[in-house]
Amino acid sequence: MSERFAKLYDLPYLRVESSDTSILHALDTAQQLYVTQQENARQQEQLQIQLERYQNILDYTHDAIIAIDENGRISTTNQIAEQMLRPAQPPFAGRPIEEVLPNTHLTSVLQTGEAEIGQMMNIHGTLVSTNRVPIRVGGQVKGVVATFQDIKTLQTAERNIRIKLHEKGLVAKYRFSDILGQSPAILEAKRLSENFADSQFTVMLYGETGTGKEMFAQSIHNASPRRDGPFVAINCTALNRNLLESELFGYADSSFTGARRGGKAGLFETAHGGTIFLDEIGELPLEFQAPLLRVLQEKEVRRVGDDTVIPVDIRIIGATNRDLLHLVEEGRFRRDLYYRLNVLSVLVPPLRERGDDYLEIARAIYDRVMPQRSADEKSAFFRVLGRCRSYAWPGNVRELTNTVERVSLLLHRGSPEEEVFQSLKMNLWRTAESAPAARERTTDPATDKSDVLEALRRSGGNASRAAKDLGISRSTLYRRLKQDP
């Protein structure tokens, strides 16, 4: 067909006859070209997606990002960096970094090839934290990337984290105004605690079970500069001994079978910026006392299975119903830990040494558990409780709470007042017979100053052992010593 038209119009031509092989080759080549074009188009699309992804990362990260090339000229900036670079006028790309933002030290990293992490610098009056990292290609430094974080933004983020912790219940509820009583013993304990609240030193609360040591710990926290931080309470007797270390210090990813993926922060990390309350610290196993001492001294923790040291900003309040010095002498508590904990100490007095404070506390408990009651019920309730002045309350406020609930319920159901008192008397004094602290007040053991001096001589001057031998508390032992001979 083409030959006929070439002859018709007198055009030069060359006749070529195609074989089947050449036709198949041409088709194969065309197919390869098509596949290549499709692959190029797919790669171009993937490249575009990758570029868009990187651009979104650059533009929507919270950090300002600046990259320079091997000549110290700006090659990349994100939107936050462009805002930070003002009042310099854009465009910024291609301009020397020192011309746009002096003293960034990016050119020094370009020369040394050494990364600089967590450096502080002032940019137009704003304190920022910056990381400067070299870009290496074939062993050669071809540029530097730097990130900048506003310190205030970091502090705000940390505050938000603390708020989240509060939402989880890590918050102190009680204040000093919630600690009731007007006895000299409780007023002195509150005075000391209020004076200690402003300091950053460790506080040790000593007192029998049920005296309200955690109320004091929460009150100290709420009166301290850490009041907006978390309050983490740990009962050292309630923690599983096998998991105690991981609970306190956290653990790294895959550090043991069953570990949470990604690891887990320990309670010391959780308390960062706030207060950690170690209740019944005298029960802490000896093998965990050394790591606790390290936290107190170094203010840093290391998760189980990890070699990274994490700094923590915490204040520790400890509490115990044990004589820690006696435990030290028995080798059950580290002496160095004792002196590190016992910086500031407060004795929370038992209820038997607080006079009529028990009636004021009982009134508050009664108002809470019996909001709907008649005037006659209320009068009968306080007449019954008023007849318990000679009782020692060995269970302290916890026992008083149980008593208030019992008496209020019986009176509310119509039980006669005298019958309620006799039932209460039988129950309380039966409990007192098995409580050494209660016997001390109800039976008043005949121990005078000479008995105490003799017991102290036998114990080598150890007040705890002498008090135990006499069947009295240390506070009573000291009172006997003050008596006239």
Protein backbone atom coordinates (compact mmCIF):
# COMPACT_ATOMS: atom_id res chain seq x y z
CA MET A 1 0.00 0.00 0.00
CA SER A 2 2.78 2.46 0.90
CA GLU A 3 4.78 1.48 -2.18
CA ARG A 4 1.82 2.38 -4.48
CA PHE A 5 1.49 5.87 -2.99
CA ALA A 6 5.24 6.46 -3.17
CA LYS A 7 5.20 5.69 -6.92
CA LEU A 8 2.06 7.82 -7.45
CA TYR A 9 3.70 10.92 -5.96
CA ASP A 10 7.20 10.15 -7.22
CA LEU A 11 8.65 9.78 -3.71
CA PRO A 12 11.83 7.82 -2.93
CA TYR A 13 11.22 4.65 -0.95
CA LEU A 14 12.89 1.46 0.23
CA ARG A 15 11.05 -1.79 0.24
CA VAL A 16 11.54 -3.79 3.45
CA GLU A 17 9.93 -7.10 4.08
CA SER A 18 9.35 -8.01 7.77
CA SER A 19 9.72 -11.54 8.96
CA ASP A 20 7.58 -13.08 11.67
CA THR A 21 10.55 -12.93 14.01
CA SER A 22 11.07 -9.20 13.56
CA ILE A 23 7.40 -8.53 14.11
CA LEU A 24 7.42 -10.53 17.34
CA HIS A 25 10.58 -8.73 18.41
CA ALA A 26 8.92 -5.37 17.74
CA LEU A 27 5.87 -6.38 19.76
CA ASP A 28 8.06 -7.61 22.60
CA THR A 29 9.98 -4.33 22.60
CA ALA A 30 6.76 -2.36 22.65
CA GLN A 31 5.49 -4.44 25.55
CA GLN A 32 8.73 -3.87 27.47
CA LEU A 33 8.48 -0.15 26.84
CA TYR A 34 4.91 -0.18 28.13
CA VAL A 35 5.87 -2.13 31.27
CA THR A 36 8.82 0.20 31.87
CA GLN A 37 6.58 3.25 31.54
CA GLN A 38 4.06 1.75 33.95
CA GLU A 39 6.80 0.91 36.48
CA ASN A 40 8.26 4.42 36.16
CA ALA A 41 4.80 5.89 36.69
CA ARG A 42 4.32 3.69 39.80
CA GLN A 43 7.73 4.66 41.16
CA GLN A 44 6.99 8.31 40.51
CA GLU A 45 3.72 7.94 42.41
CA GLN A 46 5.46 6.20 45.33
CA LEU A 47 8.14 8.87 45.34
CA GLN A 48 5.49 11.57 45.38
CA ILE A 49 3.70 9.85 48.27
CA GLN A 50 7.00 9.57 50.14
CA LEU A 51 7.76 13.23 49.55
CA GLU A 52 4.28 14.24 50.71
CA ARG A 53 4.68 12.06 53.78
CA TYR A 54 8.01 13.66 54.67
CA GLN A 55 6.58 17.11 54.01
CA ASN A 56 3.65 16.43 56.33
CA ILE A 57 6.03 15.16 58.99
CA LEU A 58 8.09 18.30 58.62
CA ASP A 59 5.12 20.65 58.65
CA TYR A 60 3.02 19.06 61.39
CA THR A 61 5.64 17.98 63.91
CA HIS A 62 5.86 20.05 67.09
CA ASP A 63 9.57 20.70 66.50
CA ALA A 64 11.16 23.32 64.31
CA ILE A 65 13.45 21.59 61.76
CA ILE A 66 16.28 23.15 59.76
CA ALA A 67 18.69 21.30 57.43
CA ILE A 68 21.82 22.75 55.85
CA ASP A 69 23.95 21.39 53.01
CA GLU A 70 27.69 20.76 53.03
CA ASN A 71 28.34 24.44 52.32
CA GLY A 72 26.38 25.62 55.37
CA ARG A 73 23.43 26.87 53.33
CA ILE A 74 19.82 26.20 54.31
CA SER A 75 18.34 23.37 52.26
CA THR A 76 15.15 22.55 54.18
CA THR A 77 12.88 24.24 56.71
CA ASN A 78 9.44 23.39 58.00
CA GLN A 79 6.64 25.81 58.83
CA ILE A 80 7.47 26.04 62.54
CA ALA A 81 11.13 26.75 61.70
CA GLU A 82 10.11 29.52 59.30
CA GLN A 83 8.12 31.16 62.08
CA MET A 84 11.08 30.78 64.41
CA LEU A 85 13.51 32.32 61.88
CA ARG A 86 11.62 35.61 61.74
CA PRO A 87 12.25 38.56 61.81
CA ALA A 88 14.57 37.39 59.00
CA GLN A 89 12.73 37.62 55.67
CA PRO A 90 12.01 34.56 53.49
CA PRO A 91 12.92 32.83 51.29
CA PHE A 92 15.44 31.02 53.46
CA ALA A 93 16.55 28.20 51.15
CA GLY A 94 20.03 28.68 49.74
CA ARG A 95 21.06 31.32 52.28
CA PRO A 96 23.93 30.76 54.77
CA ILE A 97 22.52 29.63 58.11
CA GLU A 98 24.67 32.12 60.05
CA GLU A 99 23.16 34.95 58.04
CA VAL A 100 19.60 33.93 58.91
CA LEU A 101 20.10 32.57 62.45
CA PRO A 102 23.48 33.25 64.06
CA ASN A 103 25.01 31.07 66.78
CA THR A 104 23.16 27.86 65.86
CA HIS A 105 26.49 25.94 65.84
CA LEU A 106 25.29 23.99 62.81
CA THR A 107 28.45 24.86 60.89
CA SER A 108 30.60 23.57 63.77
CA VAL A 109 28.79 20.21 63.61
CA LEU A 110 29.40 20.30 59.84
CA GLN A 111 33.11 20.59 60.54
CA THR A 112 33.42 18.15 63.46
CA GLY A 113 30.88 15.58 62.28
CA GLU A 114 29.86 15.03 65.93
CA ALA A 115 26.20 15.11 66.96
CA GLU A 116 25.18 17.54 69.72
CA ILE A 117 22.09 16.37 71.62
CA GLY A 118 19.95 18.21 74.18
CA GLN A 119 21.72 21.56 73.90
CA MET A 120 20.09 24.75 75.21
CA MET A 121 20.08 28.00 73.26
CA ASN A 122 18.21 31.30 73.22
CA ILE A 123 16.44 32.26 69.99
CA HIS A 124 14.93 35.75 69.95
CA GLY A 125 14.30 35.58 73.71
CA THR A 126 12.87 32.03 73.69
CA LEU A 127 14.74 29.23 75.46
CA VAL A 128 14.82 26.13 73.28
CA SER A 129 16.31 22.63 73.42
CA THR A 130 18.09 21.63 70.21
CA ASN A 131 19.56 18.47 68.67
CA ARG A 132 22.15 18.87 65.88
CA VAL A 133 22.92 15.72 63.87
CA PRO A 134 25.28 15.38 60.85
CA ILE A 135 24.10 13.82 57.57
CA ARG A 136 26.64 11.25 56.35
CA VAL A 137 26.83 9.86 52.83
CA GLY A 138 29.64 7.46 51.95
CA GLY A 139 31.47 8.38 55.13
CA GLN A 140 31.43 12.08 54.26
CA VAL A 141 29.44 14.79 56.09
CA LYS A 142 27.05 16.23 53.50
CA GLY A 143 24.95 18.39 55.78
CA VAL A 144 23.37 18.83 59.20
CA VAL A 145 19.79 18.51 60.47
CA ALA A 146 18.71 20.35 63.61
CA THR A 147 15.51 20.17 65.65
CA PHE A 148 14.38 22.87 68.09
CA GLN A 149 11.84 22.50 70.92
CA ASP A 150 10.40 25.36 72.95
CA ILE A 151 11.09 24.61 76.62
CA LYS A 152 7.72 26.09 77.63
CA THR A 153 6.00 23.68 75.24
CA LEU A 154 7.82 20.78 76.85
CA GLN A 155 6.78 22.00 80.30
CA THR A 156 3.16 22.34 79.16
CA ALA A 157 3.24 18.80 77.78
CA GLU A 158 4.64 17.54 81.07
CA ARG A 159 1.91 19.39 82.96
CA ASN A 160 -0.73 17.76 80.75
CA ILE A 161 0.77 14.38 81.56
CA ARG A 162 0.48 15.20 85.25
CA ILE A 163 -3.16 16.12 84.73
CA LYS A 164 -3.71 12.74 83.09
CA LEU A 165 -2.12 11.10 86.13
CA HIS A 166 -4.52 13.02 88.36
CA GLU A 167 -7.39 11.70 86.30
CA LYS A 168 -6.14 8.19 87.13
CA GLY A 169 -6.58 8.97 90.81
CA LEU A 170 -2.97 9.84 91.66
CA VAL A 171 -4.02 12.87 93.65
CA ALA A 172 -3.90 13.75 97.34
CA LYS A 173 -7.37 14.43 98.79
CA TYR A 174 -6.62 15.50 102.35
CA ARG A 175 -5.33 18.77 103.78
CA PHE A 176 -4.25 19.78 107.26
CA SER A 177 -7.72 21.22 107.87
CA ASP A 178 -9.10 17.68 107.54
CA ILE A 179 -7.01 16.45 110.48
CA LEU A 180 -9.31 16.96 113.46
CA GLY A 181 -8.46 17.42 117.12
CA GLN A 182 -7.28 20.07 119.56
CA SER A 183 -5.05 18.01 121.83
CA PRO A 184 -1.46 19.23 122.29
CA ALA A 185 -0.11 16.01 120.73
CA ILE A 186 -1.99 16.35 117.43
CA LEU A 187 -1.43 20.11 117.22
CA GLU A 188 2.33 19.59 117.61
CA ALA A 189 2.33 16.91 114.88
CA LYS A 190 0.42 19.24 112.53
CA ARG A 191 2.74 22.16 113.35
CA LEU A 192 5.85 20.14 112.53
CA SER A 193 4.33 18.73 109.33
CA GLU A 194 3.27 22.17 108.10
CA ASN A 195 6.80 23.47 108.71
CA PHE A 196 8.27 20.54 106.77
CA ALA A 197 5.88 20.84 103.81
CA ASP A 198 7.79 23.60 101.99
CA SER A 199 11.09 21.73 102.00
CA GLN A 200 12.26 19.11 99.51
CA PHE A 201 13.67 16.79 102.19
CA THR A 202 12.40 13.32 102.95
CA VAL A 203 9.83 13.10 105.76
CA MET A 204 9.31 10.04 107.96
CA LEU A 205 5.96 9.61 109.70
CA TYR A 206 6.00 7.34 112.76
CA GLY A 207 2.82 6.07 114.35
CA GLU A 208 0.70 3.08 115.14
CA THR A 209 -1.61 1.49 112.60
CA GLY A 210 -4.75 3.55 112.04
CA THR A 211 -3.43 6.87 113.37
CA GLY A 212 -3.81 8.66 110.02
CA LYS A 213 -0.26 8.70 108.67
CA GLU A 214 -1.46 8.81 105.06
CA MET A 215 -3.66 11.83 105.88
CA PHE A 216 -0.52 13.57 107.11
CA ALA A 217 1.40 12.52 103.97
CA GLN A 218 -1.34 13.85 101.66
CA SER A 219 -1.58 17.06 103.67
CA ILE A 220 2.17 17.63 103.41
CA HIS A 221 1.98 17.08 99.65
CA ASN A 222 -0.94 19.51 99.24
CA ALA A 223 0.86 22.17 101.28
CA SER A 224 4.09 21.79 99.27
CA PRO A 225 5.25 23.33 95.97
CA ARG A 226 4.55 19.90 94.43
CA ARG A 227 0.81 20.15 95.05
CA ASP A 228 0.06 20.16 91.29
CA GLY A 229 2.11 16.99 90.73
CA PRO A 230 1.04 13.37 91.25
CA PHE A 231 0.76 11.76 94.67
CA VAL A 232 1.65 8.08 94.40
CA ALA A 233 0.94 5.96 97.48
CA ILE A 234 2.59 2.55 97.82
CA ASN A 235 1.94 0.08 100.61
CA CYS A 236 5.19 -1.86 100.86
CA THR A 237 3.44 -4.82 102.47
CA ALA A 238 0.86 -5.11 99.67
CA LEU A 239 3.30 -5.39 96.77
CA ASN A 240 4.08 -8.83 95.39
CA ARG A 241 7.63 -9.60 96.49
CA ASN A 242 8.45 -11.18 93.10
CA LEU A 243 7.20 -8.13 91.20
CA LEU A 244 8.29 -5.44 93.68
CA GLU A 245 11.34 -4.30 91.69
CA SER A 246 9.47 -4.04 88.38
CA GLU A 247 6.57 -2.21 90.08
CA LEU A 248 8.85 0.35 91.72
CA PHE A 249 11.39 0.84 88.94
CA GLY A 250 9.52 -0.30 85.80
CA TYR A 251 10.83 -2.66 83.16
CA ALA A 252 12.12 -2.58 79.59
CA ASP A 253 10.52 -4.20 76.55
CA SER A 254 10.72 -8.03 76.68
CA SER A 255 12.70 -7.95 79.92
CA PHE A 256 10.83 -11.02 81.20
CA THR A 257 8.07 -13.40 80.20
CA GLY A 258 4.72 -11.63 80.26
CA ALA A 259 6.25 -8.14 80.15
CA ARG A 260 4.12 -5.52 78.43
CA ARG A 261 5.24 -4.70 74.90
CA GLY A 262 7.20 -1.47 74.93
CA GLY A 263 7.97 -1.79 78.63
CA LYS A 264 6.30 -0.04 81.56
CA ALA A 265 7.14 2.94 83.70
CA GLY A 266 7.62 2.20 87.40
CA LEU A 267 5.94 4.00 90.27
CA PHE A 268 8.95 6.26 90.79
CA GLU A 269 8.67 7.47 87.18
CA THR A 270 4.92 7.88 87.62
CA ALA A 271 5.56 10.14 90.62
CA HIS A 272 7.91 12.42 88.64
CA GLY A 273 7.32 16.04 89.62
CA GLY A 274 5.32 15.03 92.67
CA THR A 275 5.45 12.96 95.85
CA ILE A 276 5.79 9.24 96.43
CA PHE A 277 4.43 7.91 99.73
CA LEU A 278 6.02 4.67 100.94
CA ASP A 279 3.67 3.33 103.60
CA GLU A 280 4.92 0.61 105.96
CA ILE A 281 8.46 1.13 104.67
CA GLY A 282 9.78 -0.92 107.57
CA GLU A 283 8.41 -4.00 105.77
CA LEU A 284 10.47 -3.36 102.63
CA PRO A 285 12.58 -6.49 101.90
CA LEU A 286 16.27 -6.01 102.57
CA GLU A 287 17.29 -6.77 98.96
CA PHE A 288 15.23 -3.83 97.66
CA GLN A 289 16.57 -1.31 100.15
CA ALA A 290 19.82 -0.72 98.24
CA PRO A 291 18.02 0.27 94.97
CA LEU A 292 15.76 2.58 97.01
CA LEU A 293 18.80 4.20 98.58
CA ARG A 294 20.23 4.79 95.11
CA VAL A 295 17.01 6.52 94.02
CA LEU A 296 17.13 8.75 97.10
CA GLN A 297 20.77 9.69 96.55
CA GLU A 298 21.00 9.94 92.77
CA LYS A 299 17.38 10.90 91.90
CA GLU A 300 17.42 8.44 89.02
CA VAL A 301 16.04 5.00 88.24
CA ARG A 302 16.98 2.16 85.91
CA ARG A 303 14.23 -0.06 84.59
CA VAL A 304 14.53 -3.83 84.99
CA GLY A 305 16.28 -5.25 81.92
CA ASP A 306 17.49 -1.84 80.72
CA ASP A 307 20.80 0.02 81.02
CA THR A 308 19.35 3.50 80.49
CA VAL A 309 19.29 5.79 83.52
CA ILE A 310 16.12 7.89 83.85
CA PRO A 311 16.26 11.03 86.04
CA VAL A 312 13.27 11.53 88.35
CA ASP A 313 12.19 14.58 90.32
CA ILE A 314 10.41 13.20 93.36
CA ARG A 315 9.98 13.82 97.04
CA ILE A 316 9.66 10.80 99.32
CA ILE A 317 7.47 10.58 102.39
CA GLY A 318 7.81 7.37 104.35
CA ALA A 319 5.64 5.94 107.10
CA THR A 320 5.97 3.04 109.50
CA ASN A 321 4.51 1.63 112.69
CA ARG A 322 7.82 -0.07 113.43
CA ASP A 323 10.90 1.14 115.29
CA LEU A 324 13.28 1.48 112.33
CA LEU A 325 16.33 1.94 114.55
CA HIS A 326 15.50 -1.32 116.28
CA LEU A 327 15.23 -3.00 112.87
CA VAL A 328 18.64 -1.54 111.99
CA GLU A 329 20.15 -3.07 115.14
CA GLU A 330 18.62 -6.42 114.20
CA GLY A 331 20.12 -6.19 110.69
CA ARG A 332 16.70 -6.05 109.01
CA PHE A 333 16.98 -2.46 107.79
CA ARG A 334 19.99 -0.75 106.23
CA ARG A 335 21.60 1.81 108.48
CA ASP A 336 22.54 4.11 105.58
CA LEU A 337 18.96 4.01 104.28
CA TYR A 338 17.62 4.77 107.77
CA TYR A 339 19.71 7.93 108.06
CA ARG A 340 18.84 8.94 104.49
CA LEU A 341 15.11 8.61 105.22
CA ASN A 342 15.09 10.03 108.72
CA VAL A 343 15.90 13.61 107.70
CA LEU A 344 12.66 15.10 109.02
CA SER A 345 10.46 13.04 111.31
CA VAL A 346 6.96 13.43 112.74
CA LEU A 347 5.35 11.28 115.42
CA VAL A 348 1.63 10.87 114.67
CA PRO A 349 0.14 10.30 118.15
CA PRO A 350 -2.20 7.39 118.92
CA LEU A 351 -5.79 8.15 119.85
CA ARG A 352 -5.24 7.19 123.51
CA GLU A 353 -2.81 10.15 123.87
CA ARG A 354 -5.20 12.69 122.35
CA GLY A 355 -7.71 13.15 125.15
CA ASP A 356 -11.21 13.95 123.88
CA ASP A 357 -10.14 14.27 120.24
CA TYR A 358 -11.86 10.95 119.65
CA LEU A 359 -15.24 12.65 120.21
CA GLU A 360 -14.56 15.32 117.57
CA ILE A 361 -13.46 12.67 115.09
CA ALA A 362 -16.48 10.52 115.98
CA ARG A 363 -18.77 13.48 115.31
CA ALA A 364 -17.35 13.93 111.80
CA ILE A 365 -17.67 10.20 111.07
CA TYR A 366 -21.22 10.15 112.42
CA ASP A 367 -22.27 13.09 110.25
CA ARG A 368 -20.93 11.24 107.22
CA VAL A 369 -22.45 7.80 107.86
CA MET A 370 -25.75 9.00 109.34
CA PRO A 371 -26.81 12.17 107.49
CA GLN A 372 -30.49 11.35 108.21
CA ARG A 373 -31.00 10.94 111.96
CA SER A 374 -33.16 12.42 114.67
CA ALA A 375 -31.97 14.78 117.38
CA ASP A 376 -32.67 12.08 119.99
CA GLU A 377 -30.49 9.58 118.11
CA LYS A 378 -27.65 12.08 117.92
CA SER A 379 -27.86 12.89 121.64
CA ALA A 380 -27.94 9.19 122.54
CA PHE A 381 -24.95 8.54 120.26
CA PHE A 382 -22.74 11.09 122.00
CA ARG A 383 -23.83 9.95 125.45
CA VAL A 384 -22.74 6.42 124.56
CA LEU A 385 -19.41 7.53 123.05
CA GLY A 386 -18.82 9.93 125.93
CA ARG A 387 -18.74 6.99 128.33
CA CYS A 388 -15.70 5.54 126.47
CA ARG A 389 -13.15 8.08 127.71
CA SER A 390 -11.19 5.44 129.61
CA TYR A 391 -10.87 3.21 126.55
CA ALA A 392 -7.45 3.17 124.84
CA TRP A 393 -8.59 2.65 121.20
CA PRO A 394 -5.78 0.23 120.26
CA GLY A 395 -7.02 0.27 116.65
CA ASN A 396 -7.00 4.08 116.69
CA VAL A 397 -9.17 5.90 114.12
CA ARG A 398 -9.93 2.72 112.18
CA GLU A 399 -11.37 1.12 115.30
CA LEU A 400 -13.22 4.33 116.15
CA THR A 401 -14.79 4.36 112.69
CA ASN A 402 -16.05 0.81 113.14
CA THR A 403 -17.44 1.72 116.56
CA VAL A 404 -19.26 4.78 115.25
CA GLU A 405 -20.87 2.73 112.49
CA ARG A 406 -21.92 0.02 114.95
CA VAL A 407 -23.40 2.37 117.56
CA SER A 408 -25.17 4.59 115.03
CA LEU A 409 -26.78 1.59 113.32
CA LEU A 410 -28.02 0.04 116.59
CA LEU A 411 -29.49 3.34 117.82
CA HIS A 412 -31.10 4.01 114.46
CA ARG A 413 -32.84 0.63 114.63
CA GLY A 414 -34.29 1.46 118.03
CA SER A 415 -32.00 -0.41 120.42
CA PRO A 416 -32.09 1.09 123.94
CA GLU A 417 -29.17 3.35 124.76
CA GLU A 418 -28.00 1.34 127.80
CA GLU A 419 -28.18 -1.91 125.86
CA VAL A 420 -26.07 -0.40 123.08
CA PHE A 421 -23.45 0.77 125.59
CA GLN A 422 -23.24 -2.58 127.36
CA SER A 423 -22.86 -4.37 124.03
CA LEU A 424 -20.20 -1.88 123.00
CA LYS A 425 -18.40 -2.17 126.34
CA MET A 426 -18.29 -5.94 126.11
CA ASN A 427 -16.92 -5.80 122.57
CA LEU A 428 -14.35 -3.06 123.17
CA TRP A 429 -12.94 -4.30 126.44
CA ARG A 430 -12.66 -7.84 125.08
CA THR A 431 -10.51 -6.38 122.30
CA ALA A 432 -8.49 -4.40 124.85
CA GLU A 433 -7.53 -7.54 126.74
CA SER A 434 -5.47 -8.73 123.76
CA ALA A 435 -3.95 -5.33 122.89
CA PRO A 436 -0.80 -4.29 124.84
CA ALA A 437 -1.34 -0.63 123.99
CA ALA A 438 -4.89 -0.80 125.32
CA ARG A 439 -3.84 -2.50 128.55
CA GLU A 440 -1.43 0.34 129.12
CA ARG A 441 -4.32 2.74 129.54
CA THR A 442 -7.10 0.53 130.89
CA THR A 443 -5.07 -1.32 133.52
CA ASP A 444 -2.31 1.28 134.05
CA PRO A 445 0.64 -1.08 134.66
CA ALA A 446 2.50 -0.24 137.84
CA THR A 447 5.73 0.98 136.29
CA ASP A 448 7.48 3.88 137.96
CA LYS A 449 10.70 5.68 137.13
CA SER A 450 12.88 3.14 138.96
CA ASP A 451 11.35 0.27 136.96
CA VAL A 452 12.09 2.11 133.73
CA LEU A 453 15.68 2.86 134.72
CA GLU A 454 16.24 -0.80 135.64
CA ALA A 455 14.76 -1.94 132.28
CA LEU A 456 16.98 0.51 130.42
CA ARG A 457 20.03 -0.82 132.29
CA ARG A 458 19.16 -4.41 131.34
CA SER A 459 18.64 -3.45 127.66
CA GLY A 460 21.89 -1.51 127.42
CA GLY A 461 20.04 1.80 126.99
CA ASN A 462 17.78 0.59 124.19
CA ALA A 463 14.44 2.33 124.80
CA SER A 464 12.48 0.07 122.45
CA ARG A 465 13.64 -3.12 124.17
CA ALA A 466 13.08 -1.65 127.63
CA ALA A 467 9.51 -0.60 126.72
CA LYS A 468 8.82 -4.06 125.30
CA ASP A 469 10.10 -5.75 128.46
CA LEU A 470 7.82 -3.54 130.57
CA GLY A 471 4.79 -4.03 128.31
CA ILE A 472 4.43 -0.31 127.62
CA SER A 473 5.00 1.96 124.63
CA ARG A 474 8.08 4.11 124.16
CA SER A 475 6.01 7.26 124.71
CA THR A 476 4.85 5.95 128.10
CA LEU A 477 8.41 4.97 128.95
CA TYR A 478 9.52 8.56 128.30
CA ARG A 479 6.66 9.88 130.42
CA ARG A 480 7.73 7.62 133.31
CA LEU A 481 11.27 8.96 133.00
CA LYS A 482 9.99 12.52 133.46
CA GLN A 483 8.21 11.61 136.69
CA ASP A 484 9.66 12.74 139.97
CA PRO A 485 11.32 9.93 141.92
